[in-house]
Amino acid sequence: LAQHDAELHQRLSAWRQAQTDDVLDNPDPRGAA
C-alpha cells in the first residue's frame, strides 16, 4: 500500500503501533463495557 510513500508508511506504522499498544493496555474489552 505505502511502499512508494515513506511518509505514509511512517504514519501507518505509527498508527498500527498505537492500535497494538491500545489492545495490550486493554486485554479484555468486556470489563470496560
PDB file of N, CA and C in Angstrom:
ATOM      1  N   LEU A   1       0.839  -1.204   0.000  1.00  0.00           N
ATOM      2  CA  LEU A   1       0.000   0.000   0.000  1.00  0.00           C
ATOM      3  C   LEU A   1       0.869   1.248   0.000  1.00  0.00           C
ATOM      4  N   ALA A   2       1.816   1.315   0.929  1.00  0.00           N
ATOM      5  CA  ALA A   2       2.581   2.550   1.107  1.00  0.00           C
ATOM      6  C   ALA A   2       4.055   2.356   0.756  1.00  0.00           C
ATOM      7  N   GLN A   3       4.354   1.394  -0.088  1.00  0.00           N
ATOM      8  CA  GLN A   3       5.756   1.124  -0.411  1.00  0.00           C
ATOM      9  C   GLN A   3       6.427   2.303  -1.109  1.00  0.00           C
ATOM     10  N   HIS A   4       5.651   3.118  -1.815  1.00  0.00           N
ATOM     11  CA  HIS A   4       6.219   4.221  -2.591  1.00  0.00           C
ATOM     12  C   HIS A   4       6.208   5.539  -1.828  1.00  0.00           C
ATOM     13  N   ASP A   5       5.633   5.553  -0.643  1.00  0.00           N
ATOM     14  CA  ASP A   5       5.463   6.812   0.085  1.00  0.00           C
ATOM     15  C   ASP A   5       5.985   6.638   1.512  1.00  0.00           C
ATOM     16  N   ALA A   6       7.216   7.091   1.733  1.00  0.00           N
ATOM     17  CA  ALA A   6       7.860   6.883   3.032  1.00  0.00           C
ATOM     18  C   ALA A   6       7.088   7.564   4.157  1.00  0.00           C
ATOM     19  N   GLU A   7       6.565   8.764   3.897  1.00  0.00           N
ATOM     20  CA  GLU A   7       5.833   9.477   4.950  1.00  0.00           C
ATOM     21  C   GLU A   7       4.577   8.711   5.334  1.00  0.00           C
ATOM     22  N   LEU A   8       3.824   8.252   4.335  1.00  0.00           N
ATOM     23  CA  LEU A   8       2.608   7.495   4.618  1.00  0.00           C
ATOM     24  C   LEU A   8       2.962   6.207   5.362  1.00  0.00           C
ATOM     25  N   HIS A   9       4.050   5.583   4.957  1.00  0.00           N
ATOM     26  CA  HIS A   9       4.476   4.355   5.623  1.00  0.00           C
ATOM     27  C   HIS A   9       4.765   4.617   7.098  1.00  0.00           C
ATOM     28  N   GLN A  10       5.422   5.723   7.397  1.00  0.00           N
ATOM     29  CA  GLN A  10       5.730   6.069   8.784  1.00  0.00           C
ATOM     30  C   GLN A  10       4.449   6.289   9.576  1.00  0.00           C
ATOM     31  N   ARG A  11       3.498   7.018   8.974  1.00  0.00           N
ATOM     32  CA  ARG A  11       2.236   7.296   9.658  1.00  0.00           C
ATOM     33  C   ARG A  11       1.464   6.002   9.891  1.00  0.00           C
ATOM     34  N   LEU A  12       1.467   5.116   8.891  1.00  0.00           N
ATOM     35  CA  LEU A  12       0.752   3.851   9.022  1.00  0.00           C
ATOM     36  C   LEU A  12       1.393   2.988  10.102  1.00  0.00           C
ATOM     37  N   SER A  13       2.719   2.955  10.123  1.00  0.00           N
ATOM     38  CA  SER A  13       3.414   2.171  11.136  1.00  0.00           C
ATOM     39  C   SER A  13       3.114   2.699  12.529  1.00  0.00           C
ATOM     40  N   ALA A  14       3.107   4.016  12.682  1.00  0.00           N
ATOM     41  CA  ALA A  14       2.824   4.621  13.982  1.00  0.00           C
ATOM     42  C   ALA A  14       1.394   4.308  14.410  1.00  0.00           C
ATOM     43  N   TRP A  15       0.450   4.354  13.446  1.00  0.00           N
ATOM     44  CA  TRP A  15      -0.948   4.064  13.760  1.00  0.00           C
ATOM     45  C   TRP A  15      -1.105   2.607  14.199  1.00  0.00           C
ATOM     46  N   ARG A  16      -0.439   1.697  13.471  1.00  0.00           N
ATOM     47  CA  ARG A  16      -0.534   0.285  13.823  1.00  0.00           C
ATOM     48  C   ARG A  16       0.060   0.039  15.204  1.00  0.00           C
ATOM     49  N   GLN A  17       1.161   0.720  15.526  1.00  0.00           N
ATOM     50  CA  GLN A  17       1.779   0.551  16.836  1.00  0.00           C
ATOM     51  C   GLN A  17       0.849   1.063  17.921  1.00  0.00           C
ATOM     52  N   ALA A  18       0.167   2.182  17.631  1.00  0.00           N
ATOM     53  CA  ALA A  18      -0.765   2.744  18.607  1.00  0.00           C
ATOM     54  C   ALA A  18      -1.926   1.772  18.844  1.00  0.00           C
ATOM     55  N   GLN A  19      -2.418   1.162  17.771  1.00  0.00           N
ATOM     56  CA  GLN A  19      -3.506   0.199  17.910  1.00  0.00           C
ATOM     57  C   GLN A  19      -3.050  -0.990  18.756  1.00  0.00           C
ATOM     58  N   THR A  20      -1.837  -1.469  18.493  1.00  0.00           N
ATOM     59  CA  THR A  20      -1.302  -2.601  19.243  1.00  0.00           C
ATOM     60  C   THR A  20      -1.169  -2.247  20.712  1.00  0.00           C
ATOM     61  N   ASP A  21      -0.625  -1.059  20.997  1.00  0.00           N
ATOM     62  CA  ASP A  21      -0.453  -0.633  22.383  1.00  0.00           C
ATOM     63  C   ASP A  21      -1.803  -0.527  23.076  1.00  0.00           C
ATOM     64  N   ASP A  22      -2.808  -0.028  22.359  1.00  0.00           N
ATOM     65  CA  ASP A  22      -4.132   0.141  22.953  1.00  0.00           C
ATOM     66  C   ASP A  22      -4.722  -1.217  23.325  1.00  0.00           C
ATOM     67  N   VAL A  23      -4.549  -2.196  22.455  1.00  0.00           N
ATOM     68  CA  VAL A  23      -5.065  -3.537  22.726  1.00  0.00           C
ATOM     69  C   VAL A  23      -4.321  -4.163  23.906  1.00  0.00           C
ATOM     70  N   LEU A  24      -3.002  -3.981  23.946  1.00  0.00           N
ATOM     71  CA  LEU A  24      -2.224  -4.555  25.035  1.00  0.00           C
ATOM     72  C   LEU A  24      -2.564  -3.894  26.364  1.00  0.00           C
ATOM     73  N   ASP A  25      -2.940  -2.621  26.319  1.00  0.00           N
ATOM     74  CA  ASP A  25      -3.312  -1.915  27.542  1.00  0.00           C
ATOM     75  C   ASP A  25      -4.698  -2.335  28.026  1.00  0.00           C
ATOM     76  N   ASN A  26      -5.510  -2.880  27.104  1.00  0.00           N
ATOM     77  CA  ASN A  26      -6.879  -3.277  27.449  1.00  0.00           C
ATOM     78  C   ASN A  26      -7.147  -4.684  26.915  1.00  0.00           C
ATOM     79  N   PRO A  27      -6.565  -5.697  27.540  1.00  0.00           N
ATOM     80  CA  PRO A  27      -6.642  -7.056  27.002  1.00  0.00           C
ATOM     81  C   PRO A  27      -8.051  -7.637  26.982  1.00  0.00           C
ATOM     82  N   ASP A  28      -8.953  -7.137  27.851  1.00  0.00           N
ATOM     83  CA  ASP A  28     -10.310  -7.681  27.895  1.00  0.00           C
ATOM     84  C   ASP A  28     -11.330  -6.547  27.830  1.00  0.00           C
ATOM     85  N   PRO A  29     -11.787  -6.197  26.634  1.00  0.00           N
ATOM     86  CA  PRO A  29     -12.702  -5.061  26.477  1.00  0.00           C
ATOM     87  C   PRO A  29     -14.039  -5.270  27.186  1.00  0.00           C
ATOM     88  N   ARG A  30     -14.392  -6.512  27.496  1.00  0.00           N
ATOM     89  CA  ARG A  30     -15.668  -6.760  28.167  1.00  0.00           C
ATOM     90  C   ARG A  30     -15.710  -6.104  29.540  1.00  0.00           C
ATOM     91  N   GLY A  31     -14.545  -5.975  30.187  1.00  0.00           N
ATOM     92  CA  GLY A  31     -14.501  -5.403  31.518  1.00  0.00           C
ATOM     93  C   GLY A  31     -14.785  -3.907  31.515  1.00  0.00           C
ATOM     94  N   ALA A  32     -14.552  -3.246  30.374  1.00  0.00           N
ATOM     95  CA  ALA A  32     -14.722  -1.794  30.300  1.00  0.00           C
ATOM     96  C   ALA A  32     -16.117  -1.412  29.821  1.00  0.00           C
ATOM     97  N   ALA A  33     -16.834  -2.362  29.237  1.00  0.00           N
ATOM     98  CA  ALA A  33     -18.145  -2.057  28.674  1.00  0.00           C
ATOM     99  C   ALA A  33     -19.181  -1.815  29.763  1.00  0.00           C
TER     100      ALA A  33
END
